[in-house]
Amino acid sequence: MVGTYRGHRIVQHGGGIDGFISAMSWMPNDNISIMVLTNFSGNNPVPTLVTQYAFDRLLGLTPVDWTGRVREQSKKQQKTQEENRRKASAERKAGTTPSHSLADYAGTYEHPAYGQALVSVKEKGFELEVAGFTVPLEHFHYDIFAVPEGLPGPAAQFGGRRVTFLYNKKGEIDRLLIPLEPSVDDIAFTRK
């Protein structure tokens, strides 16, 4: 990414994989380069905070309370998440059960762009494997199951998302709707 930081041209690149995040930043006009490596992934503001703090010091700028700003943003996000959880809980229809046995939902489902989604019944419960993630599923209502909140690591991003199973006129489970992309309708996978 190319942009500016407090009036100075900046070039940045970052990356991450389970358990690690890296951030590289350059101010070519100021002869400053900063690289931050962490061994913590997920919602980790540390690389950005360290980089901003270092730029402020190296450029002789008045320090900004970046940590305070992140705390405020985090509080707002937590409040929004709590409101979303309350709304989801209010939408839940109490006393419903799935229309089929869990074994009937198990199987391989496919999408031409997203590949396969595998639904299986394990000793520890019902789970979905899709797009490189494996997440547990809990009954929400009817034929809709939800990914629990508070999962560790990158799978945490799926917490609260609802997976819907659909069936054909014969009553056989034949499709699966997964909310993989927040800005589009749920992605439909067809049973293989």
N, C-alpha and C. Protein backbone atom coordinates (compact mmCIF):
# COMPACT_ATOMS: atom_id res chain seq x y z
N MET A 1 0.84 -1.17 0.00
CA MET A 1 0.00 0.00 0.00
C MET A 1 0.89 1.24 0.00
N VAL A 2 0.42 2.25 -0.69
CA VAL A 2 1.14 3.51 -0.74
C VAL A 2 0.19 4.59 -0.22
N GLY A 3 0.70 5.43 0.66
CA GLY A 3 -0.14 6.47 1.22
C GLY A 3 0.70 7.50 1.93
N THR A 4 0.07 8.17 2.90
CA THR A 4 0.80 9.15 3.70
C THR A 4 0.56 8.86 5.18
N TYR A 5 1.52 9.27 5.98
CA TYR A 5 1.41 9.19 7.43
C TYR A 5 1.82 10.56 7.97
N ARG A 6 0.85 11.28 8.51
CA ARG A 6 1.09 12.59 9.08
C ARG A 6 1.91 13.48 8.13
N GLY A 7 1.52 13.46 6.84
CA GLY A 7 2.15 14.30 5.84
C GLY A 7 3.40 13.73 5.18
N HIS A 8 3.80 12.53 5.53
CA HIS A 8 4.99 11.90 4.96
C HIS A 8 4.56 10.71 4.11
N ARG A 9 5.19 10.58 2.93
CA ARG A 9 4.90 9.46 2.03
C ARG A 9 5.31 8.16 2.71
N ILE A 10 4.44 7.15 2.60
CA ILE A 10 4.71 5.86 3.23
C ILE A 10 4.35 4.72 2.29
N VAL A 11 5.16 3.69 2.30
CA VAL A 11 4.91 2.46 1.56
C VAL A 11 4.86 1.35 2.59
N GLN A 12 3.82 0.52 2.54
CA GLN A 12 3.66 -0.53 3.55
C GLN A 12 3.30 -1.86 2.93
N HIS A 13 3.69 -2.91 3.63
CA HIS A 13 3.29 -4.27 3.26
C HIS A 13 3.25 -5.09 4.53
N GLY A 14 2.26 -5.92 4.64
CA GLY A 14 2.16 -6.78 5.82
C GLY A 14 1.73 -8.17 5.41
N GLY A 15 1.80 -9.05 6.35
CA GLY A 15 1.38 -10.41 6.09
C GLY A 15 1.13 -11.14 7.38
N GLY A 16 0.58 -12.31 7.28
CA GLY A 16 0.32 -13.09 8.47
C GLY A 16 -0.06 -14.51 8.14
N ILE A 17 0.13 -15.34 9.09
CA ILE A 17 -0.27 -16.75 9.03
C ILE A 17 -0.56 -17.13 10.46
N ASP A 18 -1.24 -18.24 10.66
CA ASP A 18 -1.65 -18.63 12.01
C ASP A 18 -0.50 -18.44 13.00
N GLY A 19 -0.71 -17.53 13.93
CA GLY A 19 0.26 -17.33 14.99
C GLY A 19 1.27 -16.23 14.74
N PHE A 20 1.30 -15.61 13.58
CA PHE A 20 2.33 -14.62 13.28
C PHE A 20 1.77 -13.48 12.43
N ILE A 21 2.26 -12.27 12.67
CA ILE A 21 1.93 -11.12 11.83
C ILE A 21 3.21 -10.33 11.59
N SER A 22 3.38 -9.85 10.36
CA SER A 22 4.52 -8.99 10.06
C SER A 22 4.00 -7.70 9.43
N ALA A 23 4.75 -6.63 9.67
CA ALA A 23 4.42 -5.34 9.07
C ALA A 23 5.72 -4.66 8.66
N MET A 24 5.80 -4.26 7.41
CA MET A 24 6.98 -3.55 6.91
C MET A 24 6.53 -2.20 6.39
N SER A 25 7.24 -1.15 6.79
CA SER A 25 6.88 0.20 6.39
C SER A 25 8.12 0.98 6.02
N TRP A 26 8.01 1.76 4.95
CA TRP A 26 9.12 2.58 4.49
C TRP A 26 8.64 4.00 4.27
N MET A 27 9.47 4.95 4.65
CA MET A 27 9.28 6.35 4.29
C MET A 27 10.47 6.70 3.40
N PRO A 28 10.34 6.47 2.08
CA PRO A 28 11.48 6.62 1.18
C PRO A 28 12.07 8.03 1.16
N ASN A 29 11.24 9.04 1.31
CA ASN A 29 11.74 10.43 1.29
C ASN A 29 12.44 10.81 2.58
N ASP A 30 12.23 10.03 3.64
CA ASP A 30 12.83 10.34 4.94
C ASP A 30 13.91 9.33 5.33
N ASN A 31 14.19 8.37 4.44
CA ASN A 31 15.19 7.32 4.70
C ASN A 31 14.90 6.55 5.98
N ILE A 32 13.63 6.18 6.18
CA ILE A 32 13.24 5.42 7.37
C ILE A 32 12.57 4.13 6.92
N SER A 33 12.99 3.03 7.55
CA SER A 33 12.37 1.73 7.31
C SER A 33 12.10 1.09 8.67
N ILE A 34 10.94 0.48 8.81
CA ILE A 34 10.58 -0.19 10.06
C ILE A 34 9.97 -1.54 9.72
N MET A 35 10.40 -2.56 10.44
CA MET A 35 9.82 -3.89 10.28
C MET A 35 9.45 -4.39 11.67
N VAL A 36 8.21 -4.84 11.81
CA VAL A 36 7.73 -5.36 13.08
C VAL A 36 7.24 -6.79 12.86
N LEU A 37 7.75 -7.71 13.66
CA LEU A 37 7.36 -9.12 13.59
C LEU A 37 6.75 -9.51 14.94
N THR A 38 5.60 -10.16 14.92
CA THR A 38 4.98 -10.61 16.16
C THR A 38 4.64 -12.08 16.07
N ASN A 39 4.54 -12.71 17.22
CA ASN A 39 4.13 -14.11 17.25
C ASN A 39 2.74 -14.23 17.87
N PHE A 40 1.88 -13.34 17.44
CA PHE A 40 0.49 -13.35 17.88
C PHE A 40 -0.36 -12.88 16.71
N SER A 41 -1.36 -13.66 16.33
CA SER A 41 -2.20 -13.27 15.19
C SER A 41 -3.59 -12.91 15.69
N GLY A 42 -4.53 -12.88 14.79
CA GLY A 42 -5.88 -12.48 15.14
C GLY A 42 -6.00 -10.98 15.13
N ASN A 43 -6.82 -10.46 16.00
CA ASN A 43 -7.03 -9.01 16.09
C ASN A 43 -5.86 -8.42 16.87
N ASN A 44 -4.76 -8.17 16.19
CA ASN A 44 -3.52 -7.76 16.83
C ASN A 44 -3.09 -6.39 16.32
N PRO A 45 -3.31 -5.34 17.12
CA PRO A 45 -2.91 -4.00 16.68
C PRO A 45 -1.44 -3.67 16.93
N VAL A 46 -0.70 -4.57 17.58
CA VAL A 46 0.67 -4.28 18.00
C VAL A 46 1.57 -3.84 16.84
N PRO A 47 1.61 -4.53 15.69
CA PRO A 47 2.51 -4.07 14.63
C PRO A 47 2.24 -2.63 14.20
N THR A 48 0.98 -2.27 14.06
CA THR A 48 0.64 -0.90 13.66
C THR A 48 1.03 0.10 14.75
N LEU A 49 0.73 -0.24 16.00
CA LEU A 49 1.06 0.68 17.10
C LEU A 49 2.56 0.91 17.23
N VAL A 50 3.33 -0.16 17.14
CA VAL A 50 4.79 -0.03 17.24
C VAL A 50 5.32 0.82 16.08
N THR A 51 4.80 0.57 14.87
CA THR A 51 5.24 1.32 13.70
C THR A 51 4.92 2.81 13.84
N GLN A 52 3.68 3.12 14.23
CA GLN A 52 3.29 4.52 14.38
C GLN A 52 4.12 5.22 15.47
N TYR A 53 4.32 4.56 16.58
CA TYR A 53 5.13 5.13 17.66
C TYR A 53 6.56 5.40 17.18
N ALA A 54 7.14 4.44 16.46
CA ALA A 54 8.50 4.61 15.96
C ALA A 54 8.59 5.76 14.95
N PHE A 55 7.62 5.84 14.04
CA PHE A 55 7.63 6.95 13.08
C PHE A 55 7.55 8.29 13.80
N ASP A 56 6.65 8.39 14.77
CA ASP A 56 6.53 9.66 15.51
C ASP A 56 7.86 10.05 16.15
N ARG A 57 8.54 9.09 16.76
CA ARG A 57 9.83 9.38 17.42
C ARG A 57 10.91 9.73 16.40
N LEU A 58 11.02 8.92 15.34
CA LEU A 58 12.08 9.14 14.35
C LEU A 58 11.90 10.44 13.57
N LEU A 59 10.65 10.86 13.38
CA LEU A 59 10.37 12.09 12.66
C LEU A 59 10.34 13.32 13.58
N GLY A 60 10.45 13.09 14.88
CA GLY A 60 10.41 14.20 15.83
C GLY A 60 9.04 14.85 15.93
N LEU A 61 7.98 14.06 15.67
CA LEU A 61 6.62 14.59 15.72
C LEU A 61 6.06 14.50 17.14
N THR A 62 5.09 15.33 17.45
CA THR A 62 4.40 15.25 18.73
C THR A 62 3.72 13.89 18.81
N PRO A 63 4.00 13.13 19.86
CA PRO A 63 3.41 11.78 19.96
C PRO A 63 1.88 11.82 20.01
N VAL A 64 1.28 10.83 19.44
CA VAL A 64 -0.17 10.65 19.45
C VAL A 64 -0.45 9.43 20.33
N ASP A 65 -1.52 9.46 21.09
CA ASP A 65 -1.88 8.31 21.93
C ASP A 65 -2.59 7.25 21.07
N TRP A 66 -1.78 6.58 20.24
CA TRP A 66 -2.34 5.56 19.35
C TRP A 66 -2.98 4.43 20.13
N THR A 67 -2.37 4.03 21.25
CA THR A 67 -2.93 2.95 22.06
C THR A 67 -4.30 3.33 22.59
N GLY A 68 -4.45 4.56 23.04
CA GLY A 68 -5.75 5.02 23.53
C GLY A 68 -6.81 4.99 22.44
N ARG A 69 -6.40 5.40 21.24
CA ARG A 69 -7.34 5.37 20.11
C ARG A 69 -7.78 3.94 19.81
N VAL A 70 -6.83 3.01 19.83
CA VAL A 70 -7.16 1.61 19.55
C VAL A 70 -8.09 1.06 20.64
N ARG A 71 -7.82 1.43 21.89
CA ARG A 71 -8.70 0.99 22.99
C ARG A 71 -10.13 1.47 22.77
N GLU A 72 -10.29 2.73 22.38
CA GLU A 72 -11.62 3.28 22.13
C GLU A 72 -12.30 2.55 20.98
N GLN A 73 -11.57 2.30 19.89
CA GLN A 73 -12.13 1.56 18.76
C GLN A 73 -12.53 0.16 19.19
N SER A 74 -11.69 -0.47 20.01
CA SER A 74 -11.97 -1.82 20.49
C SER A 74 -13.24 -1.85 21.34
N LYS A 75 -13.40 -0.84 22.21
CA LYS A 75 -14.62 -0.76 23.04
C LYS A 75 -15.86 -0.63 22.16
N LYS A 76 -15.77 0.21 21.13
CA LYS A 76 -16.90 0.38 20.21
C LYS A 76 -17.22 -0.92 19.48
N GLN A 77 -16.17 -1.63 19.03
CA GLN A 77 -16.37 -2.90 18.34
C GLN A 77 -17.01 -3.93 19.27
N GLN A 78 -16.54 -3.98 20.52
CA GLN A 78 -17.11 -4.93 21.47
C GLN A 78 -18.58 -4.62 21.73
N LYS A 79 -18.90 -3.34 21.85
CA LYS A 79 -20.29 -2.94 22.06
C LYS A 79 -21.15 -3.36 20.87
N THR A 80 -20.65 -3.14 19.66
CA THR A 80 -21.38 -3.54 18.45
C THR A 80 -21.56 -5.05 18.40
N GLN A 81 -20.51 -5.80 18.75
CA GLN A 81 -20.60 -7.27 18.76
C GLN A 81 -21.63 -7.74 19.78
N GLU A 82 -21.64 -7.13 20.96
CA GLU A 82 -22.63 -7.50 21.98
C GLU A 82 -24.04 -7.22 21.50
N GLU A 83 -24.25 -6.06 20.85
CA GLU A 83 -25.57 -5.74 20.29
C GLU A 83 -25.97 -6.75 19.23
N ASN A 84 -25.02 -7.13 18.37
CA ASN A 84 -25.31 -8.13 17.33
C ASN A 84 -25.66 -9.48 17.95
N ARG A 85 -24.96 -9.86 19.03
CA ARG A 85 -25.28 -11.13 19.71
C ARG A 85 -26.68 -11.08 20.31
N ARG A 86 -27.04 -9.95 20.91
CA ARG A 86 -28.38 -9.82 21.49
C ARG A 86 -29.45 -9.92 20.39
N LYS A 87 -29.19 -9.24 19.25
CA LYS A 87 -30.14 -9.30 18.14
C LYS A 87 -30.28 -10.73 17.63
N ALA A 88 -29.14 -11.42 17.48
CA ALA A 88 -29.18 -12.81 16.99
C ALA A 88 -29.93 -13.69 17.97
N SER A 89 -29.70 -13.49 19.24
CA SER A 89 -30.39 -14.29 20.26
C SER A 89 -31.89 -14.03 20.22
N ALA A 90 -32.27 -12.78 19.99
CA ALA A 90 -33.69 -12.44 19.90
C ALA A 90 -34.34 -13.06 18.67
N GLU A 91 -33.58 -13.28 17.61
CA GLU A 91 -34.10 -13.88 16.38
C GLU A 91 -34.29 -15.39 16.51
N ARG A 92 -33.65 -15.97 17.49
CA ARG A 92 -33.69 -17.43 17.66
C ARG A 92 -35.08 -17.88 18.08
N LYS A 93 -35.57 -18.89 17.40
CA LYS A 93 -36.88 -19.48 17.73
C LYS A 93 -36.64 -20.62 18.73
N ALA A 94 -37.09 -20.41 19.94
CA ALA A 94 -36.86 -21.39 21.01
C ALA A 94 -37.67 -22.66 20.78
N GLY A 95 -37.12 -23.76 21.25
CA GLY A 95 -37.84 -25.03 21.22
C GLY A 95 -37.89 -25.74 19.88
N THR A 96 -37.11 -25.29 18.91
CA THR A 96 -37.11 -25.95 17.61
C THR A 96 -36.04 -27.04 17.58
N THR A 97 -36.18 -27.94 16.64
CA THR A 97 -35.19 -29.00 16.45
C THR A 97 -34.90 -29.11 14.95
N PRO A 98 -33.75 -29.67 14.60
CA PRO A 98 -33.48 -29.89 13.17
C PRO A 98 -34.51 -30.83 12.57
N SER A 99 -34.77 -30.70 11.28
CA SER A 99 -35.76 -31.55 10.61
C SER A 99 -35.22 -32.94 10.30
N HIS A 100 -33.90 -33.13 10.40
CA HIS A 100 -33.26 -34.40 10.11
C HIS A 100 -32.29 -34.75 11.23
N SER A 101 -31.83 -35.99 11.23
CA SER A 101 -30.77 -36.37 12.16
C SER A 101 -29.48 -35.72 11.70
N LEU A 102 -28.55 -35.48 12.61
CA LEU A 102 -27.29 -34.83 12.24
C LEU A 102 -26.57 -35.60 11.13
N ALA A 103 -26.65 -36.90 11.14
CA ALA A 103 -25.99 -37.71 10.11
C ALA A 103 -26.50 -37.37 8.71
N ASP A 104 -27.77 -36.95 8.60
CA ASP A 104 -28.34 -36.60 7.30
C ASP A 104 -27.73 -35.32 6.72
N TYR A 105 -27.20 -34.46 7.56
CA TYR A 105 -26.59 -33.21 7.10
C TYR A 105 -25.14 -33.44 6.66
N ALA A 106 -24.53 -34.47 7.19
CA ALA A 106 -23.11 -34.75 6.90
C ALA A 106 -22.92 -35.07 5.43
N GLY A 107 -21.80 -34.61 4.89
CA GLY A 107 -21.48 -34.90 3.51
C GLY A 107 -20.59 -33.82 2.92
N THR A 108 -20.33 -33.97 1.63
CA THR A 108 -19.50 -33.02 0.91
C THR A 108 -20.38 -32.17 0.01
N TYR A 109 -20.20 -30.86 0.11
CA TYR A 109 -20.94 -29.90 -0.68
C TYR A 109 -19.92 -29.13 -1.52
N GLU A 110 -20.33 -28.68 -2.71
CA GLU A 110 -19.39 -28.02 -3.61
C GLU A 110 -19.91 -26.68 -4.12
N HIS A 111 -18.95 -25.82 -4.41
CA HIS A 111 -19.23 -24.54 -5.07
C HIS A 111 -18.15 -24.36 -6.13
N PRO A 112 -18.49 -23.89 -7.34
CA PRO A 112 -17.48 -23.78 -8.41
C PRO A 112 -16.30 -22.86 -8.08
N ALA A 113 -16.50 -21.84 -7.26
CA ALA A 113 -15.39 -20.93 -6.94
C ALA A 113 -14.78 -21.19 -5.57
N TYR A 114 -15.58 -21.59 -4.62
CA TYR A 114 -15.09 -21.76 -3.24
C TYR A 114 -14.66 -23.18 -2.93
N GLY A 115 -14.87 -24.10 -3.86
CA GLY A 115 -14.43 -25.47 -3.64
C GLY A 115 -15.41 -26.27 -2.80
N GLN A 116 -14.86 -27.12 -1.94
CA GLN A 116 -15.70 -28.03 -1.17
C GLN A 116 -15.91 -27.55 0.26
N ALA A 117 -17.07 -27.92 0.78
CA ALA A 117 -17.40 -27.74 2.19
C ALA A 117 -17.74 -29.12 2.72
N LEU A 118 -17.07 -29.53 3.76
CA LEU A 118 -17.29 -30.85 4.35
C LEU A 118 -18.00 -30.69 5.68
N VAL A 119 -19.14 -31.35 5.81
CA VAL A 119 -19.90 -31.33 7.06
C VAL A 119 -19.79 -32.73 7.65
N SER A 120 -19.38 -32.81 8.90
CA SER A 120 -19.21 -34.13 9.52
C SER A 120 -19.67 -34.13 10.96
N VAL A 121 -20.06 -35.33 11.39
CA VAL A 121 -20.43 -35.54 12.79
C VAL A 121 -19.22 -36.21 13.44
N LYS A 122 -18.66 -35.54 14.41
CA LYS A 122 -17.47 -36.04 15.12
C LYS A 122 -17.86 -36.39 16.55
N GLU A 123 -16.95 -37.04 17.25
CA GLU A 123 -17.21 -37.34 18.66
C GLU A 123 -17.50 -36.08 19.45
N LYS A 124 -16.74 -35.03 19.13
CA LYS A 124 -16.91 -33.78 19.87
C LYS A 124 -18.09 -32.95 19.37
N GLY A 125 -18.75 -33.37 18.29
CA GLY A 125 -19.91 -32.66 17.78
C GLY A 125 -19.93 -32.50 16.28
N PHE A 126 -20.79 -31.62 15.84
CA PHE A 126 -21.05 -31.34 14.44
C PHE A 126 -20.07 -30.28 13.98
N GLU A 127 -19.41 -30.44 12.82
CA GLU A 127 -18.47 -29.42 12.37
C GLU A 127 -18.48 -29.24 10.86
N LEU A 128 -17.99 -28.05 10.47
CA LEU A 128 -17.92 -27.65 9.07
C LEU A 128 -16.48 -27.32 8.73
N GLU A 129 -16.01 -27.86 7.61
CA GLU A 129 -14.67 -27.55 7.11
C GLU A 129 -14.85 -26.88 5.75
N VAL A 130 -14.40 -25.61 5.65
CA VAL A 130 -14.56 -24.86 4.41
C VAL A 130 -13.49 -23.78 4.34
N ALA A 131 -12.99 -23.51 3.15
CA ALA A 131 -12.04 -22.44 2.89
C ALA A 131 -10.82 -22.50 3.83
N GLY A 132 -10.40 -23.71 4.16
CA GLY A 132 -9.22 -23.87 5.01
C GLY A 132 -9.48 -23.76 6.50
N PHE A 133 -10.73 -23.62 6.90
CA PHE A 133 -11.08 -23.51 8.31
C PHE A 133 -11.98 -24.67 8.72
N THR A 134 -11.83 -25.11 9.95
CA THR A 134 -12.73 -26.10 10.53
C THR A 134 -13.35 -25.46 11.75
N VAL A 135 -14.69 -25.40 11.75
CA VAL A 135 -15.41 -24.77 12.86
C VAL A 135 -16.53 -25.67 13.34
N PRO A 136 -16.80 -25.65 14.63
CA PRO A 136 -17.94 -26.41 15.14
C PRO A 136 -19.25 -25.71 14.77
N LEU A 137 -20.31 -26.48 14.71
CA LEU A 137 -21.63 -25.92 14.45
C LEU A 137 -22.56 -26.32 15.59
N GLU A 138 -23.35 -25.36 16.04
CA GLU A 138 -24.35 -25.61 17.08
C GLU A 138 -25.72 -25.30 16.52
N HIS A 139 -26.72 -26.08 16.93
CA HIS A 139 -28.07 -25.85 16.43
C HIS A 139 -28.55 -24.47 16.86
N PHE A 140 -29.04 -23.67 15.90
CA PHE A 140 -29.58 -22.34 16.19
C PHE A 140 -31.11 -22.43 16.26
N HIS A 141 -31.72 -22.77 15.14
CA HIS A 141 -33.14 -23.12 15.09
C HIS A 141 -33.43 -23.76 13.74
N TYR A 142 -34.49 -24.60 13.72
CA TYR A 142 -34.88 -25.31 12.51
C TYR A 142 -33.67 -25.98 11.84
N ASP A 143 -33.39 -25.67 10.58
CA ASP A 143 -32.25 -26.26 9.88
C ASP A 143 -31.11 -25.26 9.74
N ILE A 144 -30.99 -24.42 10.71
CA ILE A 144 -29.93 -23.41 10.74
C ILE A 144 -29.03 -23.68 11.94
N PHE A 145 -27.73 -23.68 11.67
CA PHE A 145 -26.73 -23.94 12.70
C PHE A 145 -25.80 -22.73 12.76
N ALA A 146 -25.26 -22.46 13.93
CA ALA A 146 -24.39 -21.29 14.11
C ALA A 146 -23.01 -21.71 14.56
N VAL A 147 -22.02 -20.95 14.13
CA VAL A 147 -20.64 -21.13 14.60
C VAL A 147 -20.57 -20.41 15.95
N PRO A 148 -20.10 -21.09 17.00
CA PRO A 148 -20.04 -20.44 18.31
C PRO A 148 -19.07 -19.27 18.34
N GLU A 149 -19.34 -18.34 19.22
CA GLU A 149 -18.46 -17.18 19.44
C GLU A 149 -17.24 -17.62 20.25
N GLY A 150 -16.18 -16.84 20.14
CA GLY A 150 -15.01 -17.06 20.99
C GLY A 150 -14.09 -18.19 20.59
N LEU A 151 -14.11 -18.59 19.32
CA LEU A 151 -13.19 -19.62 18.86
C LEU A 151 -11.76 -19.07 18.86
N PRO A 152 -10.77 -19.92 19.10
CA PRO A 152 -9.39 -19.43 19.08
C PRO A 152 -8.87 -19.22 17.66
N GLY A 153 -7.89 -18.34 17.54
CA GLY A 153 -7.19 -18.15 16.27
C GLY A 153 -8.04 -17.56 15.18
N PRO A 154 -7.63 -17.80 13.92
CA PRO A 154 -8.30 -17.19 12.77
C PRO A 154 -9.77 -17.62 12.61
N ALA A 155 -10.14 -18.78 13.14
CA ALA A 155 -11.53 -19.24 13.03
C ALA A 155 -12.48 -18.33 13.79
N ALA A 156 -11.96 -17.50 14.69
CA ALA A 156 -12.80 -16.59 15.47
C ALA A 156 -13.62 -15.66 14.57
N GLN A 157 -13.11 -15.38 13.37
CA GLN A 157 -13.83 -14.48 12.45
C GLN A 157 -15.18 -15.03 12.03
N PHE A 158 -15.39 -16.34 12.19
CA PHE A 158 -16.65 -16.95 11.78
C PHE A 158 -17.67 -17.01 12.92
N GLY A 159 -17.26 -16.61 14.12
CA GLY A 159 -18.15 -16.68 15.28
C GLY A 159 -19.47 -15.97 15.05
N GLY A 160 -20.56 -16.67 15.34
CA GLY A 160 -21.90 -16.11 15.19
C GLY A 160 -22.51 -16.27 13.81
N ARG A 161 -21.72 -16.66 12.83
CA ARG A 161 -22.29 -16.82 11.48
C ARG A 161 -23.19 -18.04 11.45
N ARG A 162 -24.26 -17.92 10.69
CA ARG A 162 -25.25 -19.00 10.61
C ARG A 162 -25.18 -19.73 9.27
N VAL A 163 -25.19 -21.03 9.36
CA VAL A 163 -25.14 -21.92 8.20
C VAL A 163 -26.52 -22.53 8.04
N THR A 164 -27.07 -22.44 6.83
CA THR A 164 -28.42 -22.92 6.57
C THR A 164 -28.38 -24.14 5.66
N PHE A 165 -29.10 -25.19 6.05
CA PHE A 165 -29.23 -26.39 5.23
C PHE A 165 -30.60 -26.36 4.56
N LEU A 166 -30.62 -26.69 3.27
CA LEU A 166 -31.86 -26.72 2.49
C LEU A 166 -32.08 -28.12 1.95
N TYR A 167 -33.32 -28.44 1.66
CA TYR A 167 -33.61 -29.77 1.13
C TYR A 167 -34.52 -29.69 -0.08
N ASN A 168 -34.47 -30.76 -0.88
CA ASN A 168 -35.26 -30.82 -2.11
C ASN A 168 -36.70 -31.28 -1.80
N LYS A 169 -37.50 -31.48 -2.84
CA LYS A 169 -38.91 -31.86 -2.66
C LYS A 169 -39.07 -33.26 -2.07
N LYS A 170 -38.01 -34.07 -2.14
CA LYS A 170 -38.04 -35.40 -1.54
C LYS A 170 -37.69 -35.35 -0.05
N GLY A 171 -37.29 -34.15 0.41
CA GLY A 171 -36.91 -34.00 1.81
C GLY A 171 -35.46 -34.35 2.07
N GLU A 172 -34.65 -34.48 1.02
CA GLU A 172 -33.23 -34.82 1.18
C GLU A 172 -32.41 -33.53 1.24
N ILE A 173 -31.51 -33.46 2.22
CA ILE A 173 -30.63 -32.30 2.34
C ILE A 173 -29.78 -32.25 1.07
N ASP A 174 -29.86 -31.15 0.31
CA ASP A 174 -29.13 -31.09 -0.96
C ASP A 174 -28.31 -29.81 -1.14
N ARG A 175 -28.47 -28.82 -0.25
CA ARG A 175 -27.72 -27.57 -0.37
C ARG A 175 -27.34 -27.04 1.00
N LEU A 176 -26.36 -26.17 0.95
CA LEU A 176 -25.83 -25.57 2.17
C LEU A 176 -25.53 -24.11 1.86
N LEU A 177 -26.01 -23.19 2.68
CA LEU A 177 -25.73 -21.76 2.50
C LEU A 177 -24.77 -21.32 3.60
N ILE A 178 -23.63 -20.73 3.18
CA ILE A 178 -22.60 -20.32 4.13
C ILE A 178 -22.29 -18.83 3.91
N PRO A 179 -22.34 -18.02 4.98
CA PRO A 179 -22.00 -16.61 4.85
C PRO A 179 -20.50 -16.38 4.89
N LEU A 180 -19.83 -16.64 3.78
CA LEU A 180 -18.37 -16.49 3.72
C LEU A 180 -17.93 -15.06 3.47
N GLU A 181 -18.71 -14.32 2.72
CA GLU A 181 -18.38 -12.94 2.36
C GLU A 181 -19.42 -12.02 2.97
N PRO A 182 -19.02 -11.10 3.84
CA PRO A 182 -20.00 -10.26 4.52
C PRO A 182 -20.79 -9.32 3.62
N SER A 183 -20.27 -8.98 2.45
CA SER A 183 -20.95 -8.00 1.60
C SER A 183 -21.84 -8.62 0.52
N VAL A 184 -21.97 -9.94 0.51
CA VAL A 184 -22.82 -10.61 -0.49
C VAL A 184 -23.74 -11.61 0.21
N ASP A 185 -24.73 -12.09 -0.53
CA ASP A 185 -25.60 -13.13 0.01
C ASP A 185 -24.81 -14.37 0.37
N ASP A 186 -25.40 -15.20 1.22
CA ASP A 186 -24.75 -16.46 1.59
C ASP A 186 -24.39 -17.25 0.31
N ILE A 187 -23.26 -17.94 0.38
CA ILE A 187 -22.76 -18.71 -0.76
C ILE A 187 -23.43 -20.09 -0.73
N ALA A 188 -24.03 -20.49 -1.85
CA ALA A 188 -24.74 -21.77 -1.94
C ALA A 188 -23.79 -22.88 -2.42
N PHE A 189 -23.68 -23.91 -1.62
CA PHE A 189 -22.92 -25.11 -1.95
C PHE A 189 -23.92 -26.23 -2.22
N THR A 190 -23.67 -27.01 -3.27
CA THR A 190 -24.56 -28.11 -3.65
C THR A 190 -23.97 -29.43 -3.20
N ARG A 191 -24.82 -30.30 -2.66
CA ARG A 191 -24.34 -31.61 -2.19
C ARG A 191 -23.79 -32.43 -3.34
N LYS A 192 -22.62 -32.99 -3.11
CA LYS A 192 -21.93 -33.80 -4.12
C LYS A 192 -22.54 -35.20 -4.15
